[in-house]
Amino acid sequence: MSHPLPDAALNQLFREARSQNGWRDEPVSATEIRALYELTKMGPTTANSCPARFVFLASDDAKARIKPFLIDGNIEKSLTAPVLAIIAHDVEFYEKIPQLFPHNPGAKDWFSGSEAFAEETAFRNGSLQGAYLIMAARALGLDCGPMSGFDNGGVDKEFFAGTTWKSNFICGIGHGDGSKIFARSPRLSFDEACQLL
């Protein structure tokens, strides 16, 4: 049975969590990255389709490959992150539906007949999984710096040539340097952003 999380957990996940612009010199291990994925994969997706694909750049050589495709403002915070994740999606994710949705393996046909519908579904659900990654990282005591300022086409050619994967956004993962974050920006009020009908 589910119960509300204590305030300390809500603070860590939401109220006090921040998008990071710089990092402390503390490593993130392969074990931590695997634990991060094990949490991330549990989030819901359409027909359990799990279209997100993640590439974790931890070595200097791997990060050097993405540098030419980053906008200037994102280079330092991307390359100094202990790990830089490329959050992508597989536009042919439906090939794995018989494995992932075994009670209705024919659900593959919902998507395989329409490239546009498959891509829309992959992007939406892959984006959800990227958000789960951020929340899972925070839950594990890691910080994140998600960003969109890069050349998707260049990244796809460099990392995903010959595949059906497409990049969505990137995210630094590590232990944030609190001296490099901005003051928290305002958020919309409930009445500005919501309707309760």
C-alpha atoms as a PDB file:
ATOM      1  CA  MET A   1       0.000   0.000   0.000  1.00  0.00           C
ATOM      2  CA  SER A   2       1.355   3.424  -0.952  1.00  0.00           C
ATOM      3  CA  HIS A   3       1.899   6.136   1.632  1.00  0.00           C
ATOM      4  CA  PRO A   4       3.010   9.766   1.219  1.00  0.00           C
ATOM      5  CA  LEU A   5       6.773  10.191   1.344  1.00  0.00           C
ATOM      6  CA  PRO A   6       8.206  12.207   4.232  1.00  0.00           C
ATOM      7  CA  ASP A   7       9.102  15.835   3.660  1.00  0.00           C
ATOM      8  CA  ALA A   8      12.821  15.031   3.567  1.00  0.00           C
ATOM      9  CA  ALA A   9      12.279  12.775   0.535  1.00  0.00           C
ATOM     10  CA  LEU A  10      10.014  15.322  -1.184  1.00  0.00           C
ATOM     11  CA  ASN A  11      12.627  17.998  -0.608  1.00  0.00           C
ATOM     12  CA  GLN A  12      15.344  15.827  -2.159  1.00  0.00           C
ATOM     13  CA  LEU A  13      13.229  14.906  -5.169  1.00  0.00           C
ATOM     14  CA  PHE A  14      11.517  18.235  -5.830  1.00  0.00           C
ATOM     15  CA  ARG A  15      11.635  21.231  -3.501  1.00  0.00           C
ATOM     16  CA  GLU A  16      15.390  21.477  -2.998  1.00  0.00           C
ATOM     17  CA  ALA A  17      16.581  19.662  -6.124  1.00  0.00           C
ATOM     18  CA  ARG A  18      18.123  21.904  -8.748  1.00  0.00           C
ATOM     19  CA  SER A  19      19.365  21.695 -12.330  1.00  0.00           C
ATOM     20  CA  GLN A  20      23.131  21.724 -12.036  1.00  0.00           C
ATOM     21  CA  ASN A  21      25.587  23.926 -13.922  1.00  0.00           C
ATOM     22  CA  GLY A  22      28.772  22.604 -12.317  1.00  0.00           C
ATOM     23  CA  TRP A  23      30.076  19.552 -10.529  1.00  0.00           C
ATOM     24  CA  ARG A  24      32.128  18.549  -7.525  1.00  0.00           C
ATOM     25  CA  ASP A  25      35.091  16.305  -8.258  1.00  0.00           C
ATOM     26  CA  GLU A  26      33.357  13.131  -7.078  1.00  0.00           C
ATOM     27  CA  PRO A  27      33.052  10.085  -9.321  1.00  0.00           C
ATOM     28  CA  VAL A  28      29.900   8.222 -10.261  1.00  0.00           C
ATOM     29  CA  SER A  29      30.540   4.505 -10.491  1.00  0.00           C
ATOM     30  CA  ALA A  30      29.311   2.008 -13.051  1.00  0.00           C
ATOM     31  CA  THR A  31      27.444   0.327 -10.183  1.00  0.00           C
ATOM     32  CA  GLU A  32      25.582   3.580  -9.498  1.00  0.00           C
ATOM     33  CA  ILE A  33      24.698   3.986 -13.175  1.00  0.00           C
ATOM     34  CA  ARG A  34      23.331   0.440 -13.307  1.00  0.00           C
ATOM     35  CA  ALA A  35      21.283   1.085 -10.145  1.00  0.00           C
ATOM     36  CA  LEU A  36      20.001   4.284 -11.756  1.00  0.00           C
ATOM     37  CA  TYR A  37      18.764   2.394 -14.806  1.00  0.00           C
ATOM     38  CA  GLU A  38      17.175  -0.322 -12.646  1.00  0.00           C
ATOM     39  CA  LEU A  39      14.968   2.346 -11.044  1.00  0.00           C
ATOM     40  CA  THR A  40      14.352   4.276 -14.249  1.00  0.00           C
ATOM     41  CA  LYS A  41      13.065   1.256 -16.160  1.00  0.00           C
ATOM     42  CA  MET A  42      10.222   0.751 -13.680  1.00  0.00           C
ATOM     43  CA  GLY A  43       8.351   3.901 -14.753  1.00  0.00           C
ATOM     44  CA  PRO A  44       5.214   3.407 -16.867  1.00  0.00           C
ATOM     45  CA  THR A  45       5.161   3.666 -20.661  1.00  0.00           C
ATOM     46  CA  THR A  46       2.519   2.963 -23.302  1.00  0.00           C
ATOM     47  CA  ALA A  47       2.019  -0.807 -23.555  1.00  0.00           C
ATOM     48  CA  ASN A  48       5.195  -1.153 -21.476  1.00  0.00           C
ATOM     49  CA  SER A  49       6.987  -0.233 -24.691  1.00  0.00           C
ATOM     50  CA  CYS A  50      10.108   1.203 -22.987  1.00  0.00           C
ATOM     51  CA  PRO A  51      11.363   3.099 -26.076  1.00  0.00           C
ATOM     52  CA  ALA A  52      14.076   5.101 -24.289  1.00  0.00           C
ATOM     53  CA  ARG A  53      17.682   4.212 -24.889  1.00  0.00           C
ATOM     54  CA  PHE A  54      20.492   5.610 -22.753  1.00  0.00           C
ATOM     55  CA  VAL A  55      24.157   6.117 -23.566  1.00  0.00           C
ATOM     56  CA  PHE A  56      26.253   7.019 -20.527  1.00  0.00           C
ATOM     57  CA  LEU A  57      29.464   8.860 -21.393  1.00  0.00           C
ATOM     58  CA  ALA A  58      31.851   8.416 -18.483  1.00  0.00           C
ATOM     59  CA  SER A  59      35.311   8.436 -20.062  1.00  0.00           C
ATOM     60  CA  ASP A  60      37.115  11.503 -21.363  1.00  0.00           C
ATOM     61  CA  ASP A  61      37.317   9.871 -24.789  1.00  0.00           C
ATOM     62  CA  ALA A  62      33.557   9.313 -24.914  1.00  0.00           C
ATOM     63  CA  LYS A  63      32.851  12.898 -23.839  1.00  0.00           C
ATOM     64  CA  ALA A  64      35.284  14.213 -26.455  1.00  0.00           C
ATOM     65  CA  ARG A  65      33.120  12.612 -29.140  1.00  0.00           C
ATOM     66  CA  ILE A  66      30.100  14.714 -28.162  1.00  0.00           C
ATOM     67  CA  LYS A  67      31.966  18.012 -27.676  1.00  0.00           C
ATOM     68  CA  PRO A  68      31.706  19.177 -31.330  1.00  0.00           C
ATOM     69  CA  PHE A  69      27.924  18.982 -31.146  1.00  0.00           C
ATOM     70  CA  LEU A  70      27.401  21.026 -27.952  1.00  0.00           C
ATOM     71  CA  ILE A  71      26.508  24.705 -27.991  1.00  0.00           C
ATOM     72  CA  ASP A  72      29.199  26.833 -26.374  1.00  0.00           C
ATOM     73  CA  GLY A  73      27.212  27.450 -23.194  1.00  0.00           C
ATOM     74  CA  ASN A  74      26.846  23.737 -22.520  1.00  0.00           C
ATOM     75  CA  ILE A  75      30.416  22.560 -23.184  1.00  0.00           C
ATOM     76  CA  GLU A  76      31.976  23.042 -19.748  1.00  0.00           C
ATOM     77  CA  LYS A  77      29.088  21.710 -17.670  1.00  0.00           C
ATOM     78  CA  SER A  78      28.680  18.738 -20.019  1.00  0.00           C
ATOM     79  CA  LEU A  79      32.324  17.708 -20.197  1.00  0.00           C
ATOM     80  CA  THR A  80      33.009  18.200 -16.483  1.00  0.00           C
ATOM     81  CA  ALA A  81      30.027  16.087 -15.396  1.00  0.00           C
ATOM     82  CA  PRO A  82      31.221  12.730 -14.051  1.00  0.00           C
ATOM     83  CA  VAL A  83      28.738  11.113 -16.422  1.00  0.00           C
ATOM     84  CA  LEU A  84      26.909  12.661 -19.365  1.00  0.00           C
ATOM     85  CA  ALA A  85      23.831  10.725 -20.464  1.00  0.00           C
ATOM     86  CA  ILE A  86      22.370  10.854 -23.942  1.00  0.00           C
ATOM     87  CA  ILE A  87      18.661  10.179 -23.600  1.00  0.00           C
ATOM     88  CA  ALA A  88      17.419   8.741 -26.881  1.00  0.00           C
ATOM     89  CA  HIS A  89      14.516   6.676 -28.158  1.00  0.00           C
ATOM     90  CA  ASP A  90      14.236   3.810 -30.591  1.00  0.00           C
ATOM     91  CA  VAL A  91      11.705   4.598 -33.322  1.00  0.00           C
ATOM     92  CA  GLU A  92      11.343   0.860 -33.888  1.00  0.00           C
ATOM     93  CA  PHE A  93      10.756   0.162 -30.199  1.00  0.00           C
ATOM     94  CA  TYR A  94       7.740  -1.947 -31.181  1.00  0.00           C
ATOM     95  CA  GLU A  95      10.028  -4.808 -32.193  1.00  0.00           C
ATOM     96  CA  LYS A  96      10.449  -5.532 -28.473  1.00  0.00           C
ATOM     97  CA  ILE A  97       6.748  -5.397 -27.601  1.00  0.00           C
ATOM     98  CA  PRO A  98       6.277  -9.201 -27.749  1.00  0.00           C
ATOM     99  CA  GLN A  99       8.991  -9.418 -25.050  1.00  0.00           C
ATOM    100  CA  LEU A 100       7.766  -6.471 -22.985  1.00  0.00           C
ATOM    101  CA  PHE A 101       3.982  -6.875 -23.331  1.00  0.00           C
ATOM    102  CA  PRO A 102       3.649 -10.680 -23.402  1.00  0.00           C
ATOM    103  CA  HIS A 103      -0.062 -10.813 -22.598  1.00  0.00           C
ATOM    104  CA  ASN A 104      -0.722  -9.041 -25.928  1.00  0.00           C
ATOM    105  CA  PRO A 105       2.250  -9.508 -28.276  1.00  0.00           C
ATOM    106  CA  GLY A 106       0.073  -8.387 -31.187  1.00  0.00           C
ATOM    107  CA  ALA A 107       0.241  -4.866 -29.758  1.00  0.00           C
ATOM    108  CA  LYS A 108       3.362  -4.554 -31.898  1.00  0.00           C
ATOM    109  CA  ASP A 109       1.007  -4.031 -34.851  1.00  0.00           C
ATOM    110  CA  TRP A 110      -0.462  -0.918 -33.238  1.00  0.00           C
ATOM    111  CA  PHE A 111       2.770   0.869 -34.080  1.00  0.00           C
ATOM    112  CA  SER A 112       4.545  -1.024 -36.837  1.00  0.00           C
ATOM    113  CA  GLY A 113       2.051   0.048 -39.488  1.00  0.00           C
ATOM    114  CA  SER A 114       2.499   3.802 -38.978  1.00  0.00           C
ATOM    115  CA  GLU A 115       5.929   5.397 -38.911  1.00  0.00           C
ATOM    116  CA  ALA A 116       4.470   8.711 -37.709  1.00  0.00           C
ATOM    117  CA  PHE A 117       2.525   7.101 -34.856  1.00  0.00           C
ATOM    118  CA  ALA A 118       5.520   5.012 -33.837  1.00  0.00           C
ATOM    119  CA  GLU A 119       7.812   8.051 -33.775  1.00  0.00           C
ATOM    120  CA  GLU A 120       5.300  10.110 -31.806  1.00  0.00           C
ATOM    121  CA  THR A 121       4.895   7.306 -29.276  1.00  0.00           C
ATOM    122  CA  ALA A 122       8.656   6.761 -29.018  1.00  0.00           C
ATOM    123  CA  PHE A 123       9.346  10.450 -28.441  1.00  0.00           C
ATOM    124  CA  ARG A 124       6.594  10.921 -25.851  1.00  0.00           C
ATOM    125  CA  ASN A 125       7.394   7.820 -23.847  1.00  0.00           C
ATOM    126  CA  GLY A 126      11.151   8.218 -24.236  1.00  0.00           C
ATOM    127  CA  SER A 127      10.785  11.733 -22.817  1.00  0.00           C
ATOM    128  CA  LEU A 128       8.851  10.303 -19.880  1.00  0.00           C
ATOM    129  CA  GLN A 129      11.645   7.818 -19.288  1.00  0.00           C
ATOM    130  CA  GLY A 130      14.170  10.628 -19.396  1.00  0.00           C
ATOM    131  CA  ALA A 131      12.209  12.364 -16.641  1.00  0.00           C
ATOM    132  CA  TYR A 132      12.150   9.119 -14.656  1.00  0.00           C
ATOM    133  CA  LEU A 133      15.938   9.017 -15.002  1.00  0.00           C
ATOM    134  CA  ILE A 134      16.213  12.463 -13.418  1.00  0.00           C
ATOM    135  CA  MET A 135      13.939  11.556 -10.523  1.00  0.00           C
ATOM    136  CA  ALA A 136      15.670   8.207 -10.010  1.00  0.00           C
ATOM    137  CA  ALA A 137      19.050   9.952  -9.920  1.00  0.00           C
ATOM    138  CA  ARG A 138      17.798  12.373  -7.288  1.00  0.00           C
ATOM    139  CA  ALA A 139      16.360   9.477  -5.285  1.00  0.00           C
ATOM    140  CA  LEU A 140      19.808   7.844  -5.303  1.00  0.00           C
ATOM    141  CA  GLY A 141      21.523  10.992  -4.055  1.00  0.00           C
ATOM    142  CA  LEU A 142      22.806  12.149  -7.429  1.00  0.00           C
ATOM    143  CA  ASP A 143      22.269  15.517  -9.104  1.00  0.00           C
ATOM    144  CA  CYS A 144      21.293  16.198 -12.710  1.00  0.00           C
ATOM    145  CA  GLY A 145      21.835  18.880 -15.292  1.00  0.00           C
ATOM    146  CA  PRO A 146      19.445  18.218 -18.193  1.00  0.00           C
ATOM    147  CA  MET A 147      19.887  20.269 -21.359  1.00  0.00           C
ATOM    148  CA  SER A 148      18.813  20.520 -24.971  1.00  0.00           C
ATOM    149  CA  GLY A 149      21.516  22.729 -26.448  1.00  0.00           C
ATOM    150  CA  PHE A 150      23.224  20.410 -28.892  1.00  0.00           C
ATOM    151  CA  ASP A 151      23.096  19.259 -32.497  1.00  0.00           C
ATOM    152  CA  ASN A 152      20.804  16.216 -32.431  1.00  0.00           C
ATOM    153  CA  GLY A 153      21.637  15.240 -35.982  1.00  0.00           C
ATOM    154  CA  GLY A 154      25.355  15.324 -35.297  1.00  0.00           C
ATOM    155  CA  VAL A 155      24.986  13.286 -32.120  1.00  0.00           C
ATOM    156  CA  ASP A 156      22.817  10.750 -33.915  1.00  0.00           C
ATOM    157  CA  LYS A 157      25.379  10.377 -36.683  1.00  0.00           C
ATOM    158  CA  GLU A 158      28.261  10.037 -34.212  1.00  0.00           C
ATOM    159  CA  PHE A 159      26.648   7.664 -31.737  1.00  0.00           C
ATOM    160  CA  PHE A 160      23.683   6.015 -33.461  1.00  0.00           C
ATOM    161  CA  ALA A 161      24.696   5.534 -37.093  1.00  0.00           C
ATOM    162  CA  GLY A 162      23.165   2.371 -38.481  1.00  0.00           C
ATOM    163  CA  THR A 163      20.560   2.155 -35.724  1.00  0.00           C
ATOM    164  CA  THR A 164      16.963   3.302 -35.292  1.00  0.00           C
ATOM    165  CA  TRP A 165      17.835   5.388 -32.222  1.00  0.00           C
ATOM    166  CA  LYS A 166      17.369   9.178 -32.106  1.00  0.00           C
ATOM    167  CA  SER A 167      18.651  11.549 -29.444  1.00  0.00           C
ATOM    168  CA  ASN A 168      16.233  13.639 -27.406  1.00  0.00           C
ATOM    169  CA  PHE A 169      18.217  15.478 -24.709  1.00  0.00           C
ATOM    170  CA  ILE A 170      21.379  15.123 -22.658  1.00  0.00           C
ATOM    171  CA  CYS A 171      21.844  15.148 -18.910  1.00  0.00           C
ATOM    172  CA  GLY A 172      24.874  15.579 -16.704  1.00  0.00           C
ATOM    173  CA  ILE A 173      24.871  13.236 -13.709  1.00  0.00           C
ATOM    174  CA  GLY A 174      27.028  13.610 -10.617  1.00  0.00           C
ATOM    175  CA  HIS A 175      27.272  15.619  -7.425  1.00  0.00           C
ATOM    176  CA  GLY A 176      26.449  19.237  -8.097  1.00  0.00           C
ATOM    177  CA  ASP A 177      28.506  22.246  -7.107  1.00  0.00           C
ATOM    178  CA  GLY A 178      26.018  24.434  -5.261  1.00  0.00           C
ATOM    179  CA  SER A 179      28.109  27.551  -5.913  1.00  0.00           C
ATOM    180  CA  LYS A 180      27.328  27.306  -9.643  1.00  0.00           C
ATOM    181  CA  ILE A 181      23.545  27.218  -9.585  1.00  0.00           C
ATOM    182  CA  PHE A 182      21.341  30.238 -10.170  1.00  0.00           C
ATOM    183  CA  ALA A 183      18.682  31.470  -7.777  1.00  0.00           C
ATOM    184  CA  ARG A 184      15.559  29.365  -8.238  1.00  0.00           C
ATOM    185  CA  SER A 185      13.312  30.810 -10.926  1.00  0.00           C
ATOM    186  CA  PRO A 186       9.588  31.309 -10.301  1.00  0.00           C
ATOM    187  CA  ARG A 187       7.006  28.640 -11.075  1.00  0.00           C
ATOM    188  CA  LEU A 188       3.423  29.110 -12.210  1.00  0.00           C
ATOM    189  CA  SER A 189       0.736  28.981  -9.548  1.00  0.00           C
ATOM    190  CA  PHE A 190      -1.926  26.290  -9.587  1.00  0.00           C
ATOM    191  CA  ASP A 191      -4.489  28.760 -10.935  1.00  0.00           C
ATOM    192  CA  GLU A 192      -2.176  29.820 -13.776  1.00  0.00           C
ATOM    193  CA  ALA A 193      -1.309  26.294 -14.887  1.00  0.00           C
ATOM    194  CA  CYS A 194      -4.223  24.079 -13.904  1.00  0.00           C
ATOM    195  CA  GLN A 195      -7.933  23.513 -14.256  1.00  0.00           C
ATOM    196  CA  LEU A 196      -9.837  21.338 -11.802  1.00  0.00           C
ATOM    197  CA  LEU A 197     -13.103  20.356 -13.480  1.00  0.00           C
END
